[in-house]
Amino acid sequence: MKRAVDLVVASLLAVVAVPLLALLTIVGAMVWRTNPYFVQERVGYGGRIFRLWKLRSLPPTAPAYTDKYSLREVPISRYGYWLRRLHLDELPQIFHVITRKMSLVGPRPEMEFLHHQMPQDFARRRVAVLPGVTGLWQISPAVGGLIVEAPEYDRAYVAAHPVRLDIWVLYRTALQALGARQVTLADVPRWVTPDAISDREDVVELAGASVRAS
């Protein structure tokens, strides 16, 4: 069922995305004076490496592989800020969903060097499902930091990931693009996944203990 939802929704989004991507490709090429696409190797399902495509939102001089804290020192243009604010830089990943390298919803695919810095159990659990274009961590306040600093979101998702949770995450992602607030595990409705996130405090405590032990 999850794959069917991914394929149907991603195919519909691709119809809208193609002309928009064509426009943003032209604009990006004019703004950056170089390839308007940015490609990184990321860790995907089963620990396999794949090439993730994004629209370029940072200047070509920005380092290709670094963490978010280092990227805060990189100046960003209005165009780049606009792309990131509306998540338009993620549009090419719709085609990763169609080719089954990613899912619409799942843990964020991480760079290899950051993946290897995670606690082994946490890293192994994250790649047990397809990585997502969006996900619980991606729509949370923790998105401004590193994934390993708030592992409770990915742990909770991997423990459950029913289709109704995916639909709720997609709904909240769309609302955030329109300016809605970010959400925490406490905001996940009980009807969405009543079993896996039934006791959110235990999930957070377990995740935090795992990081401290590492």
C-alpha atoms as a PDB file:
ATOM      1  CA  MET A   1       0.000   0.000   0.000  1.00  0.00           C
ATOM      2  CA  LYS A   2       2.829   2.411   0.856  1.00  0.00           C
ATOM      3  CA  ARG A   3       4.460   1.800  -2.526  1.00  0.00           C
ATOM      4  CA  ALA A   4       1.143   2.336  -4.305  1.00  0.00           C
ATOM      5  CA  VAL A   5       0.636   5.669  -2.532  1.00  0.00           C
ATOM      6  CA  ASP A   6       4.219   6.694  -3.351  1.00  0.00           C
ATOM      7  CA  LEU A   7       3.844   5.843  -7.013  1.00  0.00           C
ATOM      8  CA  VAL A   8       0.430   7.462  -7.515  1.00  0.00           C
ATOM      9  CA  VAL A   9       1.164  10.666  -5.580  1.00  0.00           C
ATOM     10  CA  ALA A  10       4.693  11.059  -7.001  1.00  0.00           C
ATOM     11  CA  SER A  11       3.417  10.534 -10.559  1.00  0.00           C
ATOM     12  CA  LEU A  12       0.758  13.205 -10.063  1.00  0.00           C
ATOM     13  CA  LEU A  13       3.290  15.582  -8.524  1.00  0.00           C
ATOM     14  CA  ALA A  14       5.679  14.937 -11.413  1.00  0.00           C
ATOM     15  CA  VAL A  15       3.094  16.272 -13.870  1.00  0.00           C
ATOM     16  CA  VAL A  16       3.168  19.585 -12.004  1.00  0.00           C
ATOM     17  CA  ALA A  17       6.876  19.422 -11.217  1.00  0.00           C
ATOM     18  CA  VAL A  18       8.196  19.029 -14.780  1.00  0.00           C
ATOM     19  CA  PRO A  19       7.214  22.500 -16.102  1.00  0.00           C
ATOM     20  CA  LEU A  20       8.152  24.090 -12.771  1.00  0.00           C
ATOM     21  CA  LEU A  21      11.526  22.352 -12.790  1.00  0.00           C
ATOM     22  CA  ALA A  22      12.104  23.510 -16.357  1.00  0.00           C
ATOM     23  CA  LEU A  23      11.493  27.112 -15.286  1.00  0.00           C
ATOM     24  CA  LEU A  24      13.641  26.822 -12.144  1.00  0.00           C
ATOM     25  CA  THR A  25      16.424  25.182 -14.143  1.00  0.00           C
ATOM     26  CA  ILE A  26      16.575  28.194 -16.455  1.00  0.00           C
ATOM     27  CA  VAL A  27      16.401  30.668 -13.575  1.00  0.00           C
ATOM     28  CA  GLY A  28      19.007  28.729 -11.579  1.00  0.00           C
ATOM     29  CA  ALA A  29      21.411  28.621 -14.503  1.00  0.00           C
ATOM     30  CA  MET A  30      21.091  32.396 -14.849  1.00  0.00           C
ATOM     31  CA  VAL A  31      21.540  33.014 -11.123  1.00  0.00           C
ATOM     32  CA  TRP A  32      24.450  30.646 -10.474  1.00  0.00           C
ATOM     33  CA  ARG A  33      26.135  30.754 -13.904  1.00  0.00           C
ATOM     34  CA  THR A  34      26.775  27.025 -13.535  1.00  0.00           C
ATOM     35  CA  ASN A  35      24.867  23.740 -13.272  1.00  0.00           C
ATOM     36  CA  PRO A  36      21.601  24.629 -11.478  1.00  0.00           C
ATOM     37  CA  TYR A  37      21.449  21.131 -10.005  1.00  0.00           C
ATOM     38  CA  PHE A  38      23.360  19.858  -7.001  1.00  0.00           C
ATOM     39  CA  VAL A  39      24.194  16.155  -6.672  1.00  0.00           C
ATOM     40  CA  GLN A  40      25.349  14.382  -3.520  1.00  0.00           C
ATOM     41  CA  GLU A  41      25.973  10.768  -2.611  1.00  0.00           C
ATOM     42  CA  ARG A  42      23.631   9.725   0.189  1.00  0.00           C
ATOM     43  CA  VAL A  43      23.024   6.545   2.170  1.00  0.00           C
ATOM     44  CA  GLY A  44      19.780   4.891   1.118  1.00  0.00           C
ATOM     45  CA  TYR A  45      17.829   1.720   1.791  1.00  0.00           C
ATOM     46  CA  GLY A  46      19.944  -1.115   3.143  1.00  0.00           C
ATOM     47  CA  GLY A  47      22.959   1.176   3.443  1.00  0.00           C
ATOM     48  CA  ARG A  48      23.355   1.446  -0.321  1.00  0.00           C
ATOM     49  CA  ILE A  49      24.762   4.684  -1.716  1.00  0.00           C
ATOM     50  CA  PHE A  50      22.731   6.598  -4.298  1.00  0.00           C
ATOM     51  CA  ARG A  51      23.060   9.959  -6.011  1.00  0.00           C
ATOM     52  CA  LEU A  52      20.540  12.479  -4.668  1.00  0.00           C
ATOM     53  CA  TRP A  53      19.568  15.397  -6.900  1.00  0.00           C
ATOM     54  CA  LYS A  54      18.473  18.812  -5.671  1.00  0.00           C
ATOM     55  CA  LEU A  55      18.047  22.227  -7.209  1.00  0.00           C
ATOM     56  CA  ARG A  56      21.060  24.328  -6.252  1.00  0.00           C
ATOM     57  CA  SER A  57      20.161  26.714  -3.428  1.00  0.00           C
ATOM     58  CA  LEU A  58      23.676  27.602  -2.226  1.00  0.00           C
ATOM     59  CA  PRO A  59      26.493  29.235  -4.201  1.00  0.00           C
ATOM     60  CA  PRO A  60      28.861  26.921  -6.109  1.00  0.00           C
ATOM     61  CA  THR A  61      31.640  27.857  -3.669  1.00  0.00           C
ATOM     62  CA  ALA A  62      29.781  26.192  -0.761  1.00  0.00           C
ATOM     63  CA  PRO A  63      31.387  22.922   0.399  1.00  0.00           C
ATOM     64  CA  ALA A  64      29.758  19.841  -1.115  1.00  0.00           C
ATOM     65  CA  TYR A  65      29.871  17.727   2.061  1.00  0.00           C
ATOM     66  CA  THR A  66      29.515  19.346   5.455  1.00  0.00           C
ATOM     67  CA  ASP A  67      27.029  19.546   8.316  1.00  0.00           C
ATOM     68  CA  LYS A  68      24.287  22.127   8.767  1.00  0.00           C
ATOM     69  CA  TYR A  69      26.173  24.129  11.365  1.00  0.00           C
ATOM     70  CA  SER A  70      29.024  24.786   8.962  1.00  0.00           C
ATOM     71  CA  LEU A  71      26.585  25.727   6.199  1.00  0.00           C
ATOM     72  CA  ARG A  72      25.180  28.495   8.386  1.00  0.00           C
ATOM     73  CA  GLU A  73      28.344  30.437   7.626  1.00  0.00           C
ATOM     74  CA  VAL A  74      27.631  30.294   3.879  1.00  0.00           C
ATOM     75  CA  PRO A  75      25.863  33.424   2.546  1.00  0.00           C
ATOM     76  CA  ILE A  76      22.564  32.621   0.857  1.00  0.00           C
ATOM     77  CA  SER A  77      20.876  34.666  -1.834  1.00  0.00           C
ATOM     78  CA  ARG A  78      17.191  35.598  -1.858  1.00  0.00           C
ATOM     79  CA  TYR A  79      16.644  33.067  -4.629  1.00  0.00           C
ATOM     80  CA  GLY A  80      18.306  30.300  -2.605  1.00  0.00           C
ATOM     81  CA  TYR A  81      16.369  31.263   0.516  1.00  0.00           C
ATOM     82  CA  TRP A  82      13.110  31.172  -1.450  1.00  0.00           C
ATOM     83  CA  LEU A  83      13.893  27.715  -2.843  1.00  0.00           C
ATOM     84  CA  ARG A  84      14.664  26.336   0.618  1.00  0.00           C
ATOM     85  CA  ARG A  85      11.766  28.085   2.331  1.00  0.00           C
ATOM     86  CA  LEU A  86       9.231  26.529  -0.064  1.00  0.00           C
ATOM     87  CA  HIS A  87      11.170  23.228  -0.310  1.00  0.00           C
ATOM     88  CA  LEU A  88      11.361  23.654  -4.077  1.00  0.00           C
ATOM     89  CA  ASP A  89      14.998  22.543  -4.033  1.00  0.00           C
ATOM     90  CA  GLU A  90      13.651  19.069  -3.172  1.00  0.00           C
ATOM     91  CA  LEU A  91      11.490  18.781  -6.308  1.00  0.00           C
ATOM     92  CA  PRO A  92      13.897  16.525  -8.270  1.00  0.00           C
ATOM     93  CA  GLN A  93      13.546  13.913  -5.528  1.00  0.00           C
ATOM     94  CA  ILE A  94      10.033  13.160  -6.746  1.00  0.00           C
ATOM     95  CA  PHE A  95      11.705  11.168  -9.513  1.00  0.00           C
ATOM     96  CA  HIS A  96      13.760   9.255  -6.922  1.00  0.00           C
ATOM     97  CA  VAL A  97      10.417   8.156  -5.484  1.00  0.00           C
ATOM     98  CA  ILE A  98       9.204   6.926  -8.870  1.00  0.00           C
ATOM     99  CA  THR A  99      12.424   4.936  -9.361  1.00  0.00           C
ATOM    100  CA  ARG A 100      12.125   3.546  -5.809  1.00  0.00           C
ATOM    101  CA  LYS A 101      15.350   5.027  -4.474  1.00  0.00           C
ATOM    102  CA  MET A 102      13.256   7.028  -2.018  1.00  0.00           C
ATOM    103  CA  SER A 103       9.777   7.190  -0.557  1.00  0.00           C
ATOM    104  CA  LEU A 104       7.648  10.297  -0.165  1.00  0.00           C
ATOM    105  CA  VAL A 105       7.905   9.892   3.613  1.00  0.00           C
ATOM    106  CA  GLY A 106      10.757   8.382   5.598  1.00  0.00           C
ATOM    107  CA  PRO A 107      14.023   9.187   7.381  1.00  0.00           C
ATOM    108  CA  ARG A 108      16.115  11.812   5.628  1.00  0.00           C
ATOM    109  CA  PRO A 109      18.904  10.177   3.566  1.00  0.00           C
ATOM    110  CA  GLU A 110      22.146  11.221   5.207  1.00  0.00           C
ATOM    111  CA  MET A 111      25.622  11.900   3.901  1.00  0.00           C
ATOM    112  CA  GLU A 112      27.891   8.895   4.376  1.00  0.00           C
ATOM    113  CA  PHE A 113      30.297  10.511   6.824  1.00  0.00           C
ATOM    114  CA  LEU A 114      27.429  11.623   9.084  1.00  0.00           C
ATOM    115  CA  HIS A 115      25.757   8.212   8.773  1.00  0.00           C
ATOM    116  CA  HIS A 116      28.910   6.568  10.134  1.00  0.00           C
ATOM    117  CA  GLN A 117      29.006   8.999  13.067  1.00  0.00           C
ATOM    118  CA  MET A 118      25.599   7.812  14.290  1.00  0.00           C
ATOM    119  CA  PRO A 119      25.190   5.082  16.923  1.00  0.00           C
ATOM    120  CA  GLN A 120      25.271   1.798  15.002  1.00  0.00           C
ATOM    121  CA  ASP A 121      21.842   0.629  16.116  1.00  0.00           C
ATOM    122  CA  PHE A 122      20.236   3.931  15.168  1.00  0.00           C
ATOM    123  CA  ALA A 123      22.011   4.046  11.801  1.00  0.00           C
ATOM    124  CA  ARG A 124      20.949   0.465  11.045  1.00  0.00           C
ATOM    125  CA  ARG A 125      17.307   1.162  11.889  1.00  0.00           C
ATOM    126  CA  ARG A 126      17.198   4.265   9.703  1.00  0.00           C
ATOM    127  CA  VAL A 127      18.243   2.397   6.559  1.00  0.00           C
ATOM    128  CA  ALA A 128      15.786  -0.454   7.222  1.00  0.00           C
ATOM    129  CA  VAL A 129      13.157   1.601   5.364  1.00  0.00           C
ATOM    130  CA  LEU A 130      13.326   3.763   2.253  1.00  0.00           C
ATOM    131  CA  PRO A 131      14.564   7.306   2.913  1.00  0.00           C
ATOM    132  CA  GLY A 132      11.967  10.025   2.479  1.00  0.00           C
ATOM    133  CA  VAL A 133      11.597  13.356   0.730  1.00  0.00           C
ATOM    134  CA  THR A 134       9.843  14.453   3.917  1.00  0.00           C
ATOM    135  CA  GLY A 135       9.316  12.807   7.290  1.00  0.00           C
ATOM    136  CA  LEU A 136       8.664  13.272  10.995  1.00  0.00           C
ATOM    137  CA  TRP A 137      12.114  14.758  11.626  1.00  0.00           C
ATOM    138  CA  GLN A 138      11.898  16.969   8.534  1.00  0.00           C
ATOM    139  CA  ILE A 139       8.706  18.684   9.760  1.00  0.00           C
ATOM    140  CA  SER A 140       9.886  19.061  13.372  1.00  0.00           C
ATOM    141  CA  PRO A 141      11.742  21.899  15.113  1.00  0.00           C
ATOM    142  CA  ALA A 142      14.775  19.567  15.182  1.00  0.00           C
ATOM    143  CA  VAL A 143      15.283  20.020  11.417  1.00  0.00           C
ATOM    144  CA  GLY A 144      17.566  22.991  12.095  1.00  0.00           C
ATOM    145  CA  GLY A 145      20.154  20.679  13.689  1.00  0.00           C
ATOM    146  CA  LEU A 146      21.646  17.258  13.041  1.00  0.00           C
ATOM    147  CA  ILE A 147      19.527  14.103  12.784  1.00  0.00           C
ATOM    148  CA  VAL A 148      21.482  12.377  15.542  1.00  0.00           C
ATOM    149  CA  GLU A 149      20.622  15.195  17.958  1.00  0.00           C
ATOM    150  CA  ALA A 150      16.918  14.270  17.818  1.00  0.00           C
ATOM    151  CA  PRO A 151      16.772  10.549  16.968  1.00  0.00           C
ATOM    152  CA  GLU A 152      13.346  10.079  18.522  1.00  0.00           C
ATOM    153  CA  TYR A 153      11.607  11.177  15.313  1.00  0.00           C
ATOM    154  CA  ASP A 154      13.219   8.581  13.047  1.00  0.00           C
ATOM    155  CA  ARG A 155      12.968   5.897  15.727  1.00  0.00           C
ATOM    156  CA  ALA A 156       9.246   6.542  16.076  1.00  0.00           C
ATOM    157  CA  TYR A 157       8.713   6.501  12.306  1.00  0.00           C
ATOM    158  CA  VAL A 158      10.668   3.297  11.684  1.00  0.00           C
ATOM    159  CA  ALA A 159       8.735   1.595  14.484  1.00  0.00           C
ATOM    160  CA  ALA A 160       5.427   2.400  12.791  1.00  0.00           C
ATOM    161  CA  HIS A 161       5.370   3.954   9.274  1.00  0.00           C
ATOM    162  CA  PRO A 162       1.747   3.043   8.454  1.00  0.00           C
ATOM    163  CA  VAL A 163       0.240   4.664   5.370  1.00  0.00           C
ATOM    164  CA  ARG A 164      -1.989   6.897   7.496  1.00  0.00           C
ATOM    165  CA  LEU A 165       1.119   8.341   9.181  1.00  0.00           C
ATOM    166  CA  ASP A 166       2.637   9.042   5.748  1.00  0.00           C
ATOM    167  CA  ILE A 167      -0.531  10.842   4.678  1.00  0.00           C
ATOM    168  CA  TRP A 168      -0.521  12.934   7.864  1.00  0.00           C
ATOM    169  CA  VAL A 169       3.161  13.866   7.366  1.00  0.00           C
ATOM    170  CA  LEU A 170       2.481  14.876   3.754  1.00  0.00           C
ATOM    171  CA  TYR A 171      -0.462  16.992   4.942  1.00  0.00           C
ATOM    172  CA  ARG A 172       1.683  18.726   7.585  1.00  0.00           C
ATOM    173  CA  THR A 173       4.501  19.251   5.046  1.00  0.00           C
ATOM    174  CA  ALA A 174       2.085  21.029   2.713  1.00  0.00           C
ATOM    175  CA  LEU A 175       0.822  23.203   5.577  1.00  0.00           C
ATOM    176  CA  GLN A 176       4.370  24.171   6.528  1.00  0.00           C
ATOM    177  CA  ALA A 177       5.072  25.275   2.965  1.00  0.00           C
ATOM    178  CA  LEU A 178       2.152  27.671   3.482  1.00  0.00           C
ATOM    179  CA  GLY A 179       3.566  28.963   6.763  1.00  0.00           C
ATOM    180  CA  ALA A 180       2.196  26.581   9.399  1.00  0.00           C
ATOM    181  CA  ARG A 181       4.260  25.752  12.488  1.00  0.00           C
ATOM    182  CA  GLN A 182       6.552  22.769  12.859  1.00  0.00           C
ATOM    183  CA  VAL A 183       5.325  19.764  14.845  1.00  0.00           C
ATOM    184  CA  THR A 184       6.708  17.452  17.534  1.00  0.00           C
ATOM    185  CA  LEU A 185       5.887  13.829  18.364  1.00  0.00           C
ATOM    186  CA  ALA A 186       3.324  15.088  20.871  1.00  0.00           C
ATOM    187  CA  ASP A 187       1.391  16.610  17.956  1.00  0.00           C
ATOM    188  CA  VAL A 188       0.992  13.294  16.122  1.00  0.00           C
ATOM    189  CA  PRO A 189      -2.681  12.304  16.508  1.00  0.00           C
ATOM    190  CA  ARG A 190      -3.370   9.027  18.306  1.00  0.00           C
ATOM    191  CA  TRP A 191      -5.495   7.781  15.411  1.00  0.00           C
ATOM    192  CA  VAL A 192      -2.545   8.147  13.030  1.00  0.00           C
ATOM    193  CA  THR A 193      -0.327   5.628  14.810  1.00  0.00           C
ATOM    194  CA  PRO A 194      -1.768   4.693  18.210  1.00  0.00           C
ATOM    195  CA  ASP A 195       0.655   1.847  18.972  1.00  0.00           C
ATOM    196  CA  ALA A 196       4.162   2.955  17.967  1.00  0.00           C
ATOM    197  CA  ILE A 197       3.949   6.473  19.419  1.00  0.00           C
ATOM    198  CA  SER A 198       1.510   5.683  22.201  1.00  0.00           C
ATOM    199  CA  ASP A 199       4.037   6.763  24.850  1.00  0.00           C
ATOM    200  CA  ARG A 200       6.077   9.564  23.362  1.00  0.00           C
ATOM    201  CA  GLU A 201       8.056  10.254  26.537  1.00  0.00           C
ATOM    202  CA  ASP A 202       9.471   6.704  26.490  1.00  0.00           C
ATOM    203  CA  VAL A 203      10.457   7.101  22.839  1.00  0.00           C
ATOM    204  CA  VAL A 204      12.301  10.350  23.548  1.00  0.00           C
ATOM    205  CA  GLU A 205      14.015   8.916  26.661  1.00  0.00           C
ATOM    206  CA  LEU A 206      15.144   5.796  24.784  1.00  0.00           C
ATOM    207  CA  ALA A 207      16.490   7.817  21.866  1.00  0.00           C
ATOM    208  CA  GLY A 208      18.339  10.213  24.113  1.00  0.00           C
ATOM    209  CA  ALA A 209      19.912   7.360  26.066  1.00  0.00           C
ATOM    210  CA  SER A 210      21.152   5.840  22.815  1.00  0.00           C
ATOM    211  CA  VAL A 211      22.897   9.054  21.796  1.00  0.00           C
ATOM    212  CA  ARG A 212      24.439   9.530  25.242  1.00  0.00           C
ATOM    213  CA  ALA A 213      25.772   5.970  25.194  1.00  0.00           C
ATOM    214  CA  SER A 214      27.515   6.612  21.878  1.00  0.00           C
END
